[in-house]
Amino acid sequence: MEIEVFRKQLIDANLKMASSAKKEMLSEDLVIAYEALDRITDNLGELIDETNDTDKLVYYAQMRGELCSHFNGIAMLLEDHSQDIL
């Protein structure tokens, strides 16, 4: 839910008034964040597979779930950007 609010705030703040350089910079930043979260969630997935400690398993799974939410939010922003909504 917080991601959707953030997404709408970005759209409202950029109502076609942003320069093309600003839009390009936003797109590059989103791609970098997307790729970083992809690697982090993959690494946490590997840690989950390797651990036998229940406490660590719960911690890693919770952290991975939260990061996946952000990852999905960034994917939505990238899609909006490619459709020239931002």
C-alpha atoms as a PDB file:
ATOM      1  CA  MET A   1       0.000   0.000   0.000  1.00  0.00           C
ATOM      2  CA  GLU A   2       2.833   2.419   0.829  1.00  0.00           C
ATOM      3  CA  ILE A   3       4.406   1.690  -2.544  1.00  0.00           C
ATOM      4  CA  GLU A   4       1.207   2.632  -4.368  1.00  0.00           C
ATOM      5  CA  VAL A   5       1.016   5.909  -2.424  1.00  0.00           C
ATOM      6  CA  PHE A   6       4.663   6.646  -3.273  1.00  0.00           C
ATOM      7  CA  ARG A   7       4.003   5.806  -6.934  1.00  0.00           C
ATOM      8  CA  LYS A   8       1.056   8.206  -7.072  1.00  0.00           C
ATOM      9  CA  GLN A   9       3.104  10.939  -5.402  1.00  0.00           C
ATOM     10  CA  LEU A  10       5.800  10.544  -8.049  1.00  0.00           C
ATOM     11  CA  ILE A  11       3.239  10.750 -10.819  1.00  0.00           C
ATOM     12  CA  ASP A  12       1.566  13.811  -9.278  1.00  0.00           C
ATOM     13  CA  ALA A  13       4.917  15.527  -8.773  1.00  0.00           C
ATOM     14  CA  ASN A  14       5.997  14.923 -12.370  1.00  0.00           C
ATOM     15  CA  LEU A  15       2.884  15.829 -14.337  1.00  0.00           C
ATOM     16  CA  LYS A  16       4.702  16.065 -17.659  1.00  0.00           C
ATOM     17  CA  MET A  17       6.670  19.047 -16.331  1.00  0.00           C
ATOM     18  CA  ALA A  18       9.918  17.241 -15.714  1.00  0.00           C
ATOM     19  CA  SER A  19      12.709  17.806 -18.178  1.00  0.00           C
ATOM     20  CA  SER A  20      13.740  14.915 -20.381  1.00  0.00           C
ATOM     21  CA  ALA A  21      17.106  14.808 -18.562  1.00  0.00           C
ATOM     22  CA  LYS A  22      15.292  14.491 -15.235  1.00  0.00           C
ATOM     23  CA  LYS A  23      13.075  11.723 -16.596  1.00  0.00           C
ATOM     24  CA  GLU A  24      16.113   9.875 -17.925  1.00  0.00           C
ATOM     25  CA  MET A  25      17.901  10.184 -14.580  1.00  0.00           C
ATOM     26  CA  LEU A  26      14.810   8.854 -12.777  1.00  0.00           C
ATOM     27  CA  SER A  27      14.664   5.930 -15.171  1.00  0.00           C
ATOM     28  CA  GLU A  28      18.349   5.108 -14.643  1.00  0.00           C
ATOM     29  CA  ASP A  29      17.946   5.303 -10.853  1.00  0.00           C
ATOM     30  CA  LEU A  30      14.943   2.979 -10.983  1.00  0.00           C
ATOM     31  CA  VAL A  31      16.847   0.455 -13.114  1.00  0.00           C
ATOM     32  CA  ILE A  32      19.769   0.488 -10.671  1.00  0.00           C
ATOM     33  CA  ALA A  33      17.424  -0.006  -7.692  1.00  0.00           C
ATOM     34  CA  TYR A  34      15.568  -2.766  -9.545  1.00  0.00           C
ATOM     35  CA  GLU A  35      18.771  -4.653 -10.349  1.00  0.00           C
ATOM     36  CA  ALA A  36      20.120  -4.255  -6.811  1.00  0.00           C
ATOM     37  CA  LEU A  37      16.908  -5.514  -5.209  1.00  0.00           C
ATOM     38  CA  ASP A  38      16.865  -8.414  -7.658  1.00  0.00           C
ATOM     39  CA  ARG A  39      20.353  -9.491  -6.546  1.00  0.00           C
ATOM     40  CA  ILE A  40      19.575  -8.978  -2.857  1.00  0.00           C
ATOM     41  CA  THR A  41      16.345 -10.985  -2.969  1.00  0.00           C
ATOM     42  CA  ASP A  42      18.115 -13.767  -4.892  1.00  0.00           C
ATOM     43  CA  ASN A  43      20.900 -13.851  -2.281  1.00  0.00           C
ATOM     44  CA  LEU A  44      18.378 -13.956   0.563  1.00  0.00           C
ATOM     45  CA  GLY A  45      16.612 -16.791  -1.233  1.00  0.00           C
ATOM     46  CA  GLU A  46      19.876 -18.724  -1.281  1.00  0.00           C
ATOM     47  CA  LEU A  47      20.397 -18.047   2.442  1.00  0.00           C
ATOM     48  CA  ILE A  48      16.884 -19.333   3.138  1.00  0.00           C
ATOM     49  CA  ASP A  49      17.676 -22.526   1.234  1.00  0.00           C
ATOM     50  CA  GLU A  50      20.944 -23.013   3.140  1.00  0.00           C
ATOM     51  CA  THR A  51      19.836 -22.373   6.729  1.00  0.00           C
ATOM     52  CA  ASN A  52      18.423 -24.888   9.152  1.00  0.00           C
ATOM     53  CA  ASP A  53      17.974 -22.335  11.949  1.00  0.00           C
ATOM     54  CA  THR A  54      14.257 -21.593  12.310  1.00  0.00           C
ATOM     55  CA  ASP A  55      14.808 -18.106  13.739  1.00  0.00           C
ATOM     56  CA  LYS A  56      17.112 -17.138  10.871  1.00  0.00           C
ATOM     57  CA  LEU A  57      14.721 -18.706   8.377  1.00  0.00           C
ATOM     58  CA  VAL A  58      11.839 -16.544   9.633  1.00  0.00           C
ATOM     59  CA  TYR A  59      14.037 -13.428   9.662  1.00  0.00           C
ATOM     60  CA  TYR A  60      15.386 -14.005   6.146  1.00  0.00           C
ATOM     61  CA  ALA A  61      11.941 -14.842   4.778  1.00  0.00           C
ATOM     62  CA  GLN A  62      10.403 -11.703   6.279  1.00  0.00           C
ATOM     63  CA  MET A  63      13.225  -9.527   4.966  1.00  0.00           C
ATOM     64  CA  ARG A  64      12.996 -11.119   1.527  1.00  0.00           C
ATOM     65  CA  GLY A  65       9.227 -10.570   1.446  1.00  0.00           C
ATOM     66  CA  GLU A  66       9.611  -6.882   2.262  1.00  0.00           C
ATOM     67  CA  LEU A  67      12.321  -6.434  -0.363  1.00  0.00           C
ATOM     68  CA  CYS A  68      10.187  -8.234  -2.958  1.00  0.00           C
ATOM     69  CA  SER A  69       7.397  -5.717  -2.284  1.00  0.00           C
ATOM     70  CA  HIS A  70       9.795  -2.861  -3.027  1.00  0.00           C
ATOM     71  CA  PHE A  71      11.129  -4.754  -6.041  1.00  0.00           C
ATOM     72  CA  ASN A  72       7.581  -5.081  -7.410  1.00  0.00           C
ATOM     73  CA  GLY A  73       6.885  -1.404  -6.720  1.00  0.00           C
ATOM     74  CA  ILE A  74       9.951  -0.364  -8.689  1.00  0.00           C
ATOM     75  CA  ALA A  75       8.885  -2.661 -11.527  1.00  0.00           C
ATOM     76  CA  MET A  76       5.543  -0.822 -11.619  1.00  0.00           C
ATOM     77  CA  LEU A  77       7.315   2.546 -11.702  1.00  0.00           C
ATOM     78  CA  LEU A  78       9.539   1.381 -14.557  1.00  0.00           C
ATOM     79  CA  GLU A  79       6.472   0.231 -16.450  1.00  0.00           C
ATOM     80  CA  ASP A  80       4.808   3.608 -15.871  1.00  0.00           C
ATOM     81  CA  HIS A  81       7.954   5.345 -17.058  1.00  0.00           C
ATOM     82  CA  SER A  82       8.138   3.262 -20.228  1.00  0.00           C
ATOM     83  CA  GLN A  83       4.511   4.188 -20.945  1.00  0.00           C
ATOM     84  CA  ASP A  84       5.435   7.859 -20.362  1.00  0.00           C
ATOM     85  CA  ILE A  85       3.130   8.182 -17.337  1.00  0.00           C
ATOM     86  CA  LEU A  86       5.918   9.645 -15.196  1.00  0.00           C
END
